Amino acid sequence: MFSKFHNRQRGFTLIELMIVVVIIGILAALAIPRFMRATTKSKQSEAKQILKQIYTMERTYRQANSDYWGAGVSASAAAPNGFAAIGVEVMPTSIYTYTITVADATALTATATSSILDDDVAIDVWQIDQTGDLQCTSDDVVL
């Protein structure tokens, strides 16, 4: 009474499951490094934005006082009010440490440094000078 077709077992073979696992592994190996690079680049936008604020406020300060403000002053998440005198706020969640170096009344360099962008030990360093030239001197994304 029972047909042969009712006794057939259904499911996936071990080979089919292994092929799916290998394909998922390959996709993950390609996607995870790209995702990490993208998140690190998005974190770098903090440094760019704060350094541009420092540049703008230092130019304003120099026009009013014929001098740049804050030789050797720094600010970070631990000390977010370091640049309050020129109106730049560093957030308490900041991942960069910012330092202003003033050589003389005409030379300024502001530096952002971070070693916690991702899981490696590479340091990320951004600088802006008195001309507004923003450069990455040590890029954590490339390393």
Protein backbone atom coordinates (compact mmCIF):
# COMPACT_ATOMS: atom_id res chain seq x y z
CA MET A 1 0.00 0.00 0.00
CA PHE A 2 2.78 2.35 0.78
CA SER A 3 4.67 3.76 -2.15
CA LYS A 4 8.44 3.96 -2.40
CA PHE A 5 8.21 7.73 -2.51
CA HIS A 6 6.92 8.01 1.04
CA ASN A 7 10.03 6.39 2.49
CA ARG A 8 12.46 8.87 0.89
CA GLN A 9 14.36 10.91 3.48
CA ARG A 10 14.74 14.62 2.91
CA GLY A 11 17.57 16.93 3.97
CA PHE A 12 20.98 18.22 2.99
CA THR A 13 24.03 16.10 2.52
CA LEU A 14 27.23 16.76 4.40
CA ILE A 15 28.93 17.91 1.19
CA GLU A 16 26.21 20.50 0.52
CA LEU A 17 26.52 21.87 4.06
CA MET A 18 30.33 22.02 3.78
CA ILE A 19 30.09 23.98 0.52
CA VAL A 20 27.75 26.51 2.15
CA VAL A 21 30.11 26.91 5.12
CA VAL A 22 33.09 27.48 2.78
CA ILE A 23 31.17 30.10 0.77
CA ILE A 24 30.15 31.95 3.95
CA GLY A 25 33.77 31.83 5.15
CA ILE A 26 35.04 33.33 1.90
CA LEU A 27 32.44 36.11 2.00
CA ALA A 28 33.30 36.89 5.62
CA ALA A 29 37.03 36.98 4.82
CA LEU A 30 36.34 39.60 2.15
CA ALA A 31 33.76 41.66 4.04
CA ILE A 32 35.24 41.97 7.54
CA PRO A 33 38.47 43.82 6.55
CA ARG A 34 36.47 46.25 4.40
CA PHE A 35 34.09 46.89 7.26
CA MET A 36 36.97 47.52 9.68
CA ARG A 37 38.61 49.92 7.21
CA ALA A 38 35.32 51.80 6.76
CA THR A 39 34.75 52.17 10.51
CA THR A 40 38.31 53.40 11.03
CA LYS A 41 37.92 55.99 8.26
CA SER A 42 34.68 57.20 9.84
CA LYS A 43 36.46 57.63 13.19
CA GLN A 44 39.11 59.75 11.45
CA SER A 45 36.44 62.30 10.58
CA GLU A 46 36.49 63.37 14.25
CA ALA A 47 40.12 64.45 13.95
CA LYS A 48 39.53 66.30 10.69
CA GLN A 49 36.56 68.21 12.07
CA ILE A 50 38.21 69.24 15.36
CA LEU A 51 41.47 70.25 13.61
CA LYS A 52 39.51 72.45 11.20
CA GLN A 53 37.76 74.07 14.18
CA ILE A 54 41.11 74.69 15.86
CA TYR A 55 42.47 76.24 12.65
CA THR A 56 39.46 78.54 12.26
CA MET A 57 39.48 79.66 15.88
CA GLU A 58 43.26 80.15 15.93
CA ARG A 59 43.00 82.37 12.82
CA THR A 60 40.29 84.39 14.55
CA TYR A 61 42.40 84.68 17.71
CA ARG A 62 45.45 85.74 15.69
CA GLN A 63 43.53 88.49 13.91
CA ALA A 64 42.43 89.91 17.25
CA ASN A 65 45.73 89.46 19.12
CA SER A 66 48.49 89.34 16.46
CA ASP A 67 49.57 86.01 17.89
CA TYR A 68 48.44 82.39 18.01
CA TRP A 69 47.02 80.99 21.24
CA GLY A 70 48.07 77.99 23.27
CA ALA A 71 51.64 76.85 22.74
CA GLY A 72 51.83 73.30 24.06
CA VAL A 73 48.20 73.15 25.16
CA SER A 74 46.40 69.84 24.69
CA ALA A 75 42.90 68.45 25.05
CA SER A 76 41.47 64.95 25.09
CA ALA A 77 38.54 62.97 26.45
CA ALA A 78 40.17 63.13 29.90
CA ALA A 79 40.64 66.93 29.67
CA PRO A 80 37.98 68.15 27.20
CA ASN A 81 38.17 71.85 28.16
CA GLY A 82 41.78 72.41 27.13
CA PHE A 83 40.79 74.63 24.20
CA ALA A 84 37.87 76.42 25.85
CA ALA A 85 39.73 79.75 25.63
CA ILE A 86 39.42 79.72 21.83
CA GLY A 87 35.96 78.15 21.77
CA VAL A 88 36.84 74.62 20.65
CA GLU A 89 35.14 71.81 22.52
CA VAL A 90 36.57 68.30 22.58
CA MET A 91 33.88 65.77 23.41
CA PRO A 92 34.31 63.51 26.45
CA THR A 93 33.97 60.54 24.09
CA SER A 94 36.84 61.70 21.88
CA ILE A 95 39.27 59.03 20.68
CA TYR A 96 41.99 61.51 19.74
CA THR A 97 44.34 63.68 21.80
CA TYR A 98 44.80 67.17 20.36
CA THR A 99 47.89 69.35 20.82
CA ILE A 100 48.62 72.88 19.64
CA THR A 101 52.23 73.81 18.89
CA VAL A 102 53.07 77.47 18.26
CA ALA A 103 56.58 78.16 16.96
CA ASP A 104 56.15 81.94 16.74
CA ALA A 105 53.51 84.54 15.88
CA THR A 106 53.29 83.21 12.31
CA ALA A 107 53.65 79.42 12.69
CA LEU A 108 51.04 77.05 14.09
CA THR A 109 50.62 73.28 14.06
CA ALA A 110 47.70 71.42 15.61
CA THR A 111 48.05 67.65 15.91
CA ALA A 112 45.51 64.88 16.54
CA THR A 113 46.89 61.53 17.72
CA SER A 114 45.09 58.25 18.45
CA SER A 115 46.19 54.69 19.02
CA ILE A 116 42.73 53.23 19.66
CA LEU A 117 41.01 53.47 16.27
CA ASP A 118 40.97 49.72 15.79
CA ASP A 119 42.50 46.54 17.15
CA ASP A 120 46.04 47.04 15.89
CA VAL A 121 48.87 49.03 17.49
CA ALA A 122 49.28 51.54 14.66
CA ILE A 123 49.05 55.20 15.62
CA ASP A 124 46.90 57.60 13.60
CA VAL A 125 48.25 61.17 13.38
CA TRP A 126 46.66 64.16 11.64
CA GLN A 127 48.09 67.70 11.47
CA ILE A 128 46.92 71.09 10.30
CA ASP A 129 49.18 74.13 9.97
CA GLN A 130 48.73 77.91 9.80
CA THR A 131 47.86 77.71 6.08
CA GLY A 132 44.99 75.27 6.71
CA ASP A 133 46.85 72.35 5.13
CA LEU A 134 45.36 69.19 6.68
CA GLN A 135 47.57 66.10 6.37
CA CYS A 136 47.62 62.56 7.69
CA THR A 137 51.21 61.89 8.75
CA SER A 138 50.54 58.36 10.03
CA ASP A 139 47.46 56.64 8.61
CA ASP A 140 46.08 53.73 10.65
CA VAL A 141 43.81 52.70 7.77
CA VAL A 142 46.70 52.04 5.38
CA LEU A 143 48.76 50.02 7.85
